[in-house]
Protein backbone atom coordinates (compact mmCIF):
# COMPACT_ATOMS: atom_id res chain seq x y z
CA UNK A 1 5.31 -16.91 -10.73
CA UNK A 2 5.16 -16.69 -14.51
CA UNK A 3 8.05 -17.30 -16.85
CA UNK A 4 7.09 -14.38 -19.05
CA UNK A 5 7.10 -10.98 -17.21
CA UNK A 6 5.07 -9.46 -20.02
CA UNK A 7 2.35 -12.06 -19.62
CA UNK A 8 2.26 -11.51 -15.87
CA UNK A 9 2.08 -7.73 -16.30
CA UNK A 10 -0.69 -8.16 -18.85
CA UNK A 11 -2.60 -10.44 -16.48
CA UNK A 12 -2.30 -8.03 -13.53
CA UNK A 13 -3.14 -4.96 -15.66
CA UNK A 14 -6.17 -6.48 -17.39
CA UNK A 15 -7.70 -8.75 -14.70
CA UNK A 16 -6.59 -6.84 -11.65
CA UNK A 17 -6.50 -9.92 -9.46
CA UNK A 18 -6.79 -9.77 -5.74
CA UNK A 19 -4.27 -11.48 -3.47
CA UNK A 20 -6.77 -14.30 -3.00
CA UNK A 21 -7.07 -14.67 -6.83
CA UNK A 22 -3.28 -15.00 -7.16
CA UNK A 23 -3.01 -17.53 -4.42
CA UNK A 24 -5.80 -19.63 -6.00
CA UNK A 25 -4.23 -19.40 -9.44
CA UNK A 26 -0.74 -20.13 -8.18
CA UNK A 27 -1.07 -22.41 -5.16
CA UNK A 28 2.74 -22.90 -4.95
CA UNK A 29 3.07 -19.32 -3.67
CA UNK A 30 3.94 -19.45 0.05
CA UNK A 31 3.23 -16.24 1.86
CA UNK A 32 3.77 -15.36 5.51
CA UNK A 33 1.45 -13.21 7.49
CA UNK A 34 4.33 -10.71 7.99
CA UNK A 35 4.73 -10.37 4.23
CA UNK A 36 1.01 -9.91 3.61
CA UNK A 37 0.80 -7.26 6.38
CA UNK A 38 3.86 -5.43 5.09
CA UNK A 39 2.06 -4.95 1.73
CA UNK A 40 -1.13 -3.66 3.27
CA UNK A 41 -1.63 0.12 3.37
CA UNK A 42 -2.54 1.69 6.66
CA UNK A 43 -6.04 3.08 6.71
CA UNK A 44 -6.30 6.83 6.91
CA UNK A 45 -8.59 8.30 9.55
CA UNK A 46 -12.01 9.29 8.40
CA UNK A 47 -13.13 12.66 9.70
CA UNK A 48 -16.83 12.11 8.85
CA UNK A 49 -19.16 9.37 7.76
CA UNK A 50 -22.02 9.56 5.38
CA UNK A 51 -24.93 8.41 7.49
CA UNK A 52 -27.85 8.79 5.12
CA UNK A 53 -29.47 6.19 2.98
CA UNK A 54 -30.84 6.57 -0.54
CA UNK A 55 -33.58 4.18 0.50
CA UNK A 56 -34.84 6.77 2.98
CA UNK A 57 -34.23 9.91 0.99
CA UNK A 58 -32.73 10.14 -2.49
CA UNK A 59 -32.38 13.99 -2.25
CA UNK A 60 -30.89 14.35 1.18
CA UNK A 61 -27.35 13.74 2.50
CA UNK A 62 -26.68 13.33 6.23
CA UNK A 63 -23.13 13.43 7.60
CA UNK A 64 -22.12 12.32 11.08
CA UNK A 65 -19.20 14.07 12.77
CA UNK A 66 -17.78 13.38 16.20
CA UNK A 67 -15.43 15.71 17.98
CA UNK A 68 -12.63 14.00 19.86
CA UNK A 69 -10.40 15.83 22.29
CA UNK A 70 -7.21 14.39 23.72
CA UNK A 71 -5.07 15.75 26.48
CA UNK A 72 -1.42 16.09 25.47
CA UNK A 73 1.33 16.77 27.97
CA UNK A 74 3.84 19.11 26.37
CA UNK A 75 6.11 19.78 29.30
CA UNK A 76 6.48 19.43 33.06
CA UNK A 77 3.66 21.89 33.90
CA UNK A 78 1.98 22.35 30.49
CA UNK A 79 -0.96 20.57 28.95
CA UNK A 80 -2.87 21.32 25.75
CA UNK A 81 -5.90 19.79 24.19
CA UNK A 82 -6.08 18.70 20.56
């Protein structure tokens, strides 16, 4: 990508470019969808969502929570719910 590793490291550390920024700056980079996906982090589940708006109330916080239950078979005649 760049001849000088220090210059590249400085560029990444100071400008913090996105993948799109790097592709635009270095159009010779050829990336496959598999490579891009392998570098993406899996999203962690969110156990709640903030559902309030500062436009409605600047002093109140609303949180939305949903309870999800799944049936899990743990043996021939045993089931539990999580």
